Amino acid sequence: MVSFRGSKMRGVGTFISRPLLFLLLHFTLVKCDITDGNAEHLKREHSLMKPYQGVGSSPSSQWDFWGSTLVTSSYVRLTPDERSKQGSIWNTVPVHLKDWEMHVQYKIHGSGKKNLHGDGIAIWYTKERLHPGSVFGSNAKFHGLALFIDTYHNDEAADHSFPYISAMVNNGSLPYDHGNDGHTSELGGCSSEIRNKDHDTYLAIRYSKGRLTVMIDIDDKNEWKECIDIGGVRLPTGYYFGASAATGDLSDNHDIISMKMYQLMVEHTPDEDSLDWTKIEPSVSLLKSPKDNIDDPTGNFRSTPLTGWKVFLLLLCALLGIVVCGVVGAVVFQKRQERNRRFY
């Protein structure tokens, strides 16, 4: 886990040696290196922040909106808590960064009781912008990356609880299947109780060197928790960020408070730098089916590699093994020394 606004390291314990602590810190930074939001990395032309200046339909606007979207001084409401509404907001400036991270501060709330609310929010990084459709208010056959915050289950046979956060990469050939909540095209996801919180909820989407990582902060503890982590993802530059939401027979308020875009300073090989990144086709190279990437039998967390506690256990076992080997070696050495003394 990594702190959301500013880094904060919790106590690890005095029984851990300095080398082990160093290794733990190294693994933690490698696996969960979410930027702490330093201003020098913030890309304002791709960020949506209060008081939402630069939002509108003028030629100089950096964000444009559609449908039921209402822009206030405190939030951007994509849909009100009313039936059959759709709304979206899109960045008008294409992203030409190879490595980036998007922080989304949002809130989903309404008067509906449990399982009587919908439908959710989608965060987009796509070739198309302001293209209304049936998928959370946007186009079903998109080019790029979509992250779905789905608050209503259409598939009664789903093996996970809702709300559910999932990711999909598409080259325009595959429509998102609302009937089964995108189950067949899902790269990974996690269940998350994000609705009707007393505080705002947060989402971080990180794309760097072909790896997609999604982290969430829903408990207002200033800590990120991993939701999705998958490699082999190829995304081009020149696409647009946006957010959309929709309601059907059931409804909710879907609010975006901020979308903050950060540039990641990452070195690439000469071959990578020589590529025309605008011509890359969105794709994912998987060694196995996305649905096989299940850590938890309930499906609550998917496509999660070694987590922090697993790394800790592995390193602790390795340390214990080194200690045991050292003790055995010392005993053997001492016995040899005693045996050698008998010949003098």
Protein backbone atom coordinates (compact mmCIF):
# COMPACT_ATOMS: atom_id res chain seq x y z
CA MET A 1 0.00 0.00 0.00
CA VAL A 2 1.10 3.54 -0.69
CA SER A 3 -0.31 6.73 0.76
CA PHE A 4 -2.59 8.67 -1.57
CA ARG A 5 -1.60 12.27 -0.87
CA GLY A 6 2.01 12.18 0.27
CA SER A 7 3.91 9.05 1.20
CA LYS A 8 3.48 7.49 4.62
CA MET A 9 5.22 4.31 5.74
CA ARG A 10 3.68 2.34 8.58
CA GLY A 11 5.87 0.60 11.17
CA VAL A 12 7.25 -2.73 9.97
CA GLY A 13 8.48 -4.11 13.28
CA THR A 14 11.80 -4.24 15.07
CA PHE A 15 12.32 -7.95 14.40
CA ILE A 16 12.98 -7.32 10.68
CA SER A 17 16.61 -6.88 9.77
CA ARG A 18 17.82 -3.88 7.77
CA PRO A 19 18.55 -5.93 4.61
CA LEU A 20 15.06 -7.41 4.72
CA LEU A 21 13.51 -3.99 5.30
CA PHE A 22 15.45 -2.66 2.30
CA LEU A 23 14.16 -5.50 0.14
CA LEU A 24 10.61 -4.95 1.34
CA LEU A 25 10.83 -1.25 0.52
CA HIS A 26 12.23 -2.10 -2.89
CA PHE A 27 9.42 -4.51 -3.72
CA THR A 28 6.80 -2.12 -2.38
CA LEU A 29 8.04 0.72 -4.56
CA VAL A 30 8.26 -1.51 -7.62
CA LYS A 31 4.79 -3.03 -7.27
CA CYS A 32 2.86 -0.02 -5.98
CA ASP A 33 4.73 2.99 -7.29
CA ILE A 34 1.76 5.34 -7.44
CA THR A 35 2.81 8.96 -7.74
CA ASP A 36 2.14 11.12 -4.69
CA GLY A 37 0.79 13.93 -6.85
CA ASN A 38 3.80 16.23 -7.12
CA ALA A 39 2.81 19.42 -8.93
CA GLU A 40 5.76 19.23 -11.34
CA HIS A 41 4.31 16.06 -12.87
CA LEU A 42 0.76 17.37 -13.17
CA LYS A 43 -0.39 17.95 -16.75
CA ARG A 44 -2.97 20.69 -16.43
CA GLU A 45 -4.10 20.49 -20.04
CA HIS A 46 -5.37 16.98 -19.29
CA SER A 47 -6.68 17.68 -15.77
CA LEU A 48 -10.17 18.59 -14.60
CA MET A 49 -10.16 20.49 -11.29
CA LYS A 50 -12.21 23.00 -9.34
CA PRO A 51 -13.41 25.61 -10.21
CA TYR A 52 -13.56 23.86 -13.60
CA GLN A 53 -12.20 26.66 -15.71
CA GLY A 54 -11.71 25.71 -19.34
CA VAL A 55 -14.89 23.61 -19.40
CA GLY A 56 -17.34 24.43 -22.17
CA SER A 57 -17.88 24.51 -25.91
CA SER A 58 -15.64 27.45 -26.82
CA PRO A 59 -12.62 26.85 -29.12
CA SER A 60 -10.24 27.44 -26.17
CA SER A 61 -11.96 24.94 -23.86
CA GLN A 62 -9.96 21.93 -22.74
CA TRP A 63 -13.02 19.95 -21.62
CA ASP A 64 -16.35 19.54 -23.36
CA PHE A 65 -19.49 17.86 -22.04
CA TRP A 66 -22.68 16.30 -23.35
CA GLY A 67 -26.13 15.09 -22.30
CA SER A 68 -27.35 15.50 -18.74
CA THR A 69 -23.94 16.68 -17.47
CA LEU A 70 -24.16 19.62 -15.05
CA VAL A 71 -21.04 21.59 -14.13
CA THR A 72 -21.17 23.28 -10.71
CA SER A 73 -18.46 24.94 -8.60
CA SER A 74 -18.06 21.78 -6.48
CA TYR A 75 -18.55 18.84 -8.83
CA VAL A 76 -19.37 17.73 -12.36
CA ARG A 77 -22.60 15.72 -12.21
CA LEU A 78 -22.75 13.34 -15.16
CA THR A 79 -26.26 12.18 -14.30
CA PRO A 80 -28.77 13.21 -11.64
CA ASP A 81 -30.61 10.64 -9.55
CA GLU A 82 -33.26 10.29 -12.25
CA ARG A 83 -34.19 7.54 -14.68
CA SER A 84 -32.91 7.26 -18.28
CA LYS A 85 -30.15 9.87 -18.15
CA GLN A 86 -26.76 9.93 -19.89
CA GLY A 87 -23.90 12.36 -19.59
CA SER A 88 -20.19 12.64 -20.30
CA ILE A 89 -17.24 15.02 -20.12
CA TRP A 90 -14.19 14.77 -22.39
CA ASN A 91 -10.75 16.29 -22.61
CA THR A 92 -10.34 18.08 -25.95
CA VAL A 93 -6.52 17.74 -25.92
CA PRO A 94 -5.05 14.43 -27.13
CA VAL A 95 -2.54 12.76 -24.81
CA HIS A 96 0.94 12.35 -26.32
CA LEU A 97 2.54 10.75 -23.26
CA LYS A 98 3.84 7.17 -23.36
CA ASP A 99 3.64 6.72 -19.59
CA TRP A 100 0.96 8.37 -17.49
CA GLU A 101 -1.22 8.14 -14.44
CA MET A 102 -4.76 9.43 -13.99
CA HIS A 103 -6.25 10.10 -10.54
CA VAL A 104 -10.04 10.28 -10.45
CA GLN A 105 -11.93 11.66 -7.46
CA TYR A 106 -15.59 10.74 -7.70
CA LYS A 107 -18.78 10.09 -5.77
CA ILE A 108 -21.75 7.83 -6.53
CA HIS A 109 -24.77 8.37 -4.32
CA GLY A 110 -28.54 8.37 -4.40
CA SER A 111 -31.79 7.49 -2.70
CA GLY A 112 -32.01 3.93 -4.03
CA LYS A 113 -31.75 1.08 -1.57
CA LYS A 114 -29.45 -1.93 -1.93
CA ASN A 115 -29.53 -3.38 -5.46
CA LEU A 116 -32.00 -0.69 -6.54
CA HIS A 117 -29.61 1.78 -8.12
CA GLY A 118 -27.58 2.11 -11.30
CA ASP A 119 -25.87 2.06 -13.60
CA GLY A 120 -22.35 3.45 -12.95
CA ILE A 121 -19.42 5.45 -14.30
CA ALA A 122 -16.89 4.70 -17.05
CA ILE A 123 -13.44 6.28 -17.33
CA TRP A 124 -12.14 6.31 -20.89
CA TYR A 125 -8.84 6.64 -22.75
CA THR A 126 -10.04 6.28 -26.33
CA LYS A 127 -9.63 7.37 -29.92
CA GLU A 128 -13.23 8.61 -30.00
CA ARG A 129 -14.59 11.41 -27.85
CA LEU A 130 -18.14 12.68 -27.29
CA HIS A 131 -19.50 9.58 -28.97
CA PRO A 132 -22.77 8.72 -27.15
CA GLY A 133 -23.76 5.09 -26.88
CA SER A 134 -25.15 2.25 -24.81
CA VAL A 135 -22.15 1.64 -22.52
CA PHE A 136 -22.46 3.95 -19.54
CA GLY A 137 -23.43 6.72 -21.94
CA SER A 138 -20.67 6.12 -24.48
CA ASN A 139 -19.75 4.02 -27.52
CA ALA A 140 -19.81 0.21 -27.14
CA LYS A 141 -17.24 -0.48 -29.89
CA PHE A 142 -14.45 1.82 -28.77
CA HIS A 143 -10.72 1.98 -29.52
CA GLY A 144 -8.58 2.13 -26.38
CA LEU A 145 -9.00 1.56 -22.66
CA ALA A 146 -12.14 1.68 -20.53
CA LEU A 147 -12.51 1.32 -16.79
CA PHE A 148 -16.05 0.51 -15.66
CA ILE A 149 -17.41 1.28 -12.20
CA ASP A 150 -20.51 -0.85 -12.47
CA THR A 151 -23.03 -0.49 -9.65
CA TYR A 152 -25.78 -2.80 -10.94
CA HIS A 153 -25.46 -6.49 -11.83
CA ASN A 154 -27.29 -7.53 -14.99
CA ASP A 155 -25.89 -11.06 -14.90
CA GLU A 156 -27.51 -12.97 -12.04
CA ALA A 157 -24.86 -15.69 -12.38
CA ALA A 158 -21.98 -13.26 -11.68
CA ASP A 159 -19.38 -14.75 -9.33
CA HIS A 160 -18.61 -11.45 -7.60
CA SER A 161 -20.49 -8.77 -5.72
CA PHE A 162 -21.40 -5.27 -6.91
CA PRO A 163 -20.37 -2.47 -7.26
CA TYR A 164 -17.61 -3.93 -9.40
CA ILE A 165 -14.63 -2.18 -11.05
CA SER A 166 -13.26 -3.77 -14.23
CA ALA A 167 -11.01 -2.91 -17.18
CA MET A 168 -11.29 -3.59 -20.90
CA VAL A 169 -8.97 -2.89 -23.85
CA ASN A 170 -10.60 -2.81 -27.28
CA ASN A 171 -9.54 -2.23 -30.90
CA GLY A 172 -13.09 -1.44 -31.99
CA SER A 173 -13.94 -5.01 -32.98
CA LEU A 174 -15.61 -6.17 -29.77
CA PRO A 175 -18.67 -4.54 -28.18
CA TYR A 176 -18.99 -4.34 -24.42
CA ASP A 177 -21.66 -6.84 -23.43
CA HIS A 178 -23.95 -5.15 -20.91
CA GLY A 179 -26.02 -8.29 -20.51
CA ASN A 180 -23.23 -10.13 -18.69
CA ASP A 181 -21.57 -7.01 -17.25
CA GLY A 182 -18.61 -7.28 -19.63
CA HIS A 183 -17.61 -10.63 -18.13
CA THR A 184 -16.17 -12.12 -21.33
CA SER A 185 -13.95 -9.14 -22.19
CA GLU A 186 -12.86 -8.24 -18.67
CA LEU A 187 -9.09 -8.07 -18.06
CA GLY A 188 -9.42 -7.96 -14.29
CA GLY A 189 -11.36 -6.29 -11.55
CA CYS A 190 -12.43 -6.06 -7.94
CA SER A 191 -15.59 -5.59 -5.91
CA SER A 192 -15.67 -2.28 -4.08
CA GLU A 193 -18.28 -0.69 -1.79
CA ILE A 194 -18.04 2.81 -3.25
CA ARG A 195 -21.67 3.91 -3.14
CA ASN A 196 -23.22 6.39 -0.64
CA LYS A 197 -19.97 7.01 1.22
CA ASP A 198 -19.74 9.98 3.59
CA HIS A 199 -16.49 10.91 1.85
CA ASP A 200 -15.23 11.03 -1.73
CA THR A 201 -13.70 7.94 -3.31
CA TYR A 202 -10.57 7.75 -5.44
CA LEU A 203 -9.23 5.77 -8.35
CA ALA A 204 -5.75 5.72 -9.89
CA ILE A 205 -5.11 4.34 -13.38
CA ARG A 206 -1.44 3.88 -14.21
CA TYR A 207 -0.03 2.89 -17.60
CA SER A 208 3.73 2.47 -17.86
CA LYS A 209 5.93 0.26 -20.05
CA GLY A 210 3.07 -1.93 -21.11
CA ARG A 211 1.66 -2.48 -17.62
CA LEU A 212 -1.79 -1.39 -16.50
CA THR A 213 -2.34 -0.90 -12.76
CA VAL A 214 -5.55 0.25 -11.11
CA MET A 215 -5.57 1.23 -7.45
CA ILE A 216 -8.48 2.36 -5.29
CA ASP A 217 -8.93 4.40 -2.11
CA ILE A 218 -12.50 4.05 -0.84
CA ASP A 219 -12.03 4.15 2.95
CA ASP A 220 -10.65 7.69 3.28
CA LYS A 221 -7.48 6.30 4.89
CA ASN A 222 -5.07 7.89 2.39
CA GLU A 223 -3.96 4.45 1.24
CA TRP A 224 -4.09 2.79 -2.16
CA LYS A 225 -5.31 -0.79 -2.52
CA GLU A 226 -4.61 -2.80 -5.64
CA CYS A 227 -7.56 -3.69 -7.84
CA ILE A 228 -6.02 -4.60 -11.20
CA ASP A 229 -2.44 -5.25 -12.28
CA ILE A 230 -1.76 -6.75 -15.71
CA GLY A 231 1.11 -6.65 -18.18
CA GLY A 232 1.27 -6.95 -21.93
CA VAL A 233 -1.02 -3.95 -22.52
CA ARG A 234 -0.39 -1.83 -25.61
CA LEU A 235 -1.99 1.59 -25.84
CA PRO A 236 -1.20 4.28 -28.41
CA THR A 237 -0.64 7.97 -27.84
CA GLY A 238 -2.96 10.62 -29.22
CA TYR A 239 -6.12 9.35 -27.51
CA TYR A 240 -8.50 11.30 -25.25
CA PHE A 241 -9.52 10.98 -21.60
CA GLY A 242 -13.14 11.20 -20.63
CA ALA A 243 -15.77 10.11 -18.14
CA SER A 244 -19.37 9.10 -18.74
CA ALA A 245 -22.32 7.72 -16.79
CA ALA A 246 -25.83 6.48 -17.39
CA THR A 247 -29.00 5.56 -15.55
CA GLY A 248 -31.81 3.25 -16.70
CA ASP A 249 -34.87 2.13 -14.81
CA LEU A 250 -32.72 2.62 -11.69
CA SER A 251 -30.64 5.72 -11.01
CA ASP A 252 -27.94 7.48 -8.97
CA ASN A 253 -26.06 10.74 -8.85
CA HIS A 254 -22.76 10.18 -10.66
CA ASP A 255 -20.30 12.95 -9.75
CA ILE A 256 -16.74 13.63 -10.91
CA ILE A 257 -14.90 15.92 -8.47
CA SER A 258 -11.53 15.87 -10.25
CA MET A 259 -9.47 14.09 -12.87
CA LYS A 260 -5.74 14.74 -12.45
CA MET A 261 -3.29 13.58 -15.08
CA TYR A 262 0.38 12.99 -14.22
CA GLN A 263 3.32 12.39 -16.51
CA LEU A 264 5.57 9.51 -15.48
CA MET A 265 9.26 10.00 -16.15
CA VAL A 266 10.23 6.60 -17.57
CA GLU A 267 13.19 5.69 -19.78
CA HIS A 268 12.52 3.66 -22.92
CA THR A 269 14.85 1.69 -25.17
CA PRO A 270 15.95 3.24 -28.48
CA ASP A 271 13.70 0.77 -30.31
CA GLU A 272 10.72 1.84 -28.24
CA ASP A 273 11.47 5.52 -28.78
CA SER A 274 11.73 5.00 -32.54
CA LEU A 275 8.19 3.59 -32.75
CA ASP A 276 5.32 5.68 -34.02
CA TRP A 277 3.18 5.35 -30.89
CA THR A 278 0.18 6.91 -32.61
CA LYS A 279 -0.01 3.84 -34.90
CA ILE A 280 -0.07 1.24 -32.11
CA GLU A 281 -3.26 -0.82 -32.04
CA PRO A 282 -4.83 -1.27 -28.59
CA SER A 283 -4.23 -4.86 -27.51
CA VAL A 284 -3.33 -7.15 -24.62
CA SER A 285 -0.89 -10.06 -24.77
CA LEU A 286 -1.99 -12.67 -22.24
CA LEU A 287 -0.41 -16.00 -21.41
CA LYS A 288 -3.86 -17.21 -20.35
CA SER A 289 -7.46 -16.09 -20.42
CA PRO A 290 -8.24 -12.95 -18.39
CA LYS A 291 -10.86 -14.91 -16.47
CA ASP A 292 -8.18 -17.36 -15.30
CA ASN A 293 -6.43 -14.56 -13.43
CA ILE A 294 -8.34 -15.21 -10.24
CA ASP A 295 -6.72 -14.91 -6.82
CA ASP A 296 -9.86 -15.17 -4.77
CA PRO A 297 -12.40 -17.97 -5.43
CA THR A 298 -15.21 -15.46 -4.92
CA GLY A 299 -13.87 -13.32 -7.76
CA ASN A 300 -13.47 -10.26 -5.54
CA PHE A 301 -9.89 -9.69 -6.70
CA ARG A 302 -8.57 -10.68 -10.08
CA SER A 303 -5.31 -10.49 -12.02
CA THR A 304 -3.34 -9.68 -8.87
CA PRO A 305 0.30 -10.87 -8.77
CA LEU A 306 2.40 -11.04 -5.63
CA THR A 307 0.80 -8.76 -3.09
CA GLY A 308 2.67 -7.09 -0.23
CA TRP A 309 2.02 -9.80 2.36
CA LYS A 310 3.01 -12.55 -0.09
CA VAL A 311 6.30 -10.80 -0.81
CA PHE A 312 6.82 -10.35 2.93
CA LEU A 313 6.27 -14.06 3.60
CA LEU A 314 8.63 -15.06 0.79
CA LEU A 315 11.34 -12.74 2.05
CA LEU A 316 10.82 -13.85 5.65
CA CYS A 317 11.18 -17.50 4.61
CA ALA A 318 14.31 -16.62 2.67
CA LEU A 319 15.75 -14.81 5.70
CA LEU A 320 14.96 -17.75 7.98
CA GLY A 321 16.62 -20.07 5.49
CA ILE A 322 19.76 -17.92 5.49
CA VAL A 323 19.81 -17.87 9.31
CA VAL A 324 19.40 -21.66 9.49
CA CYS A 325 22.16 -22.18 6.94
CA GLY A 326 24.38 -19.81 8.88
CA VAL A 327 23.79 -21.63 12.18
CA VAL A 328 24.40 -25.04 10.60
CA GLY A 329 27.56 -23.76 8.95
CA ALA A 330 28.86 -22.33 12.22
CA VAL A 331 28.21 -25.64 14.04
CA VAL A 332 29.96 -27.63 11.31
CA PHE A 333 32.91 -25.23 11.31
CA GLN A 334 33.23 -25.42 15.08
CA LYS A 335 33.23 -29.25 15.06
CA ARG A 336 35.93 -29.29 12.39
CA GLN A 337 38.03 -26.93 14.46
CA GLU A 338 37.67 -29.18 17.52
CA ARG A 339 38.59 -32.25 15.47
CA ASN A 340 41.67 -30.55 14.05
CA ARG A 341 42.91 -29.68 17.55
CA ARG A 342 43.16 -33.41 18.41
CA PHE A 343 46.09 -33.83 15.99
CA TYR A 344 48.30 -31.32 17.77
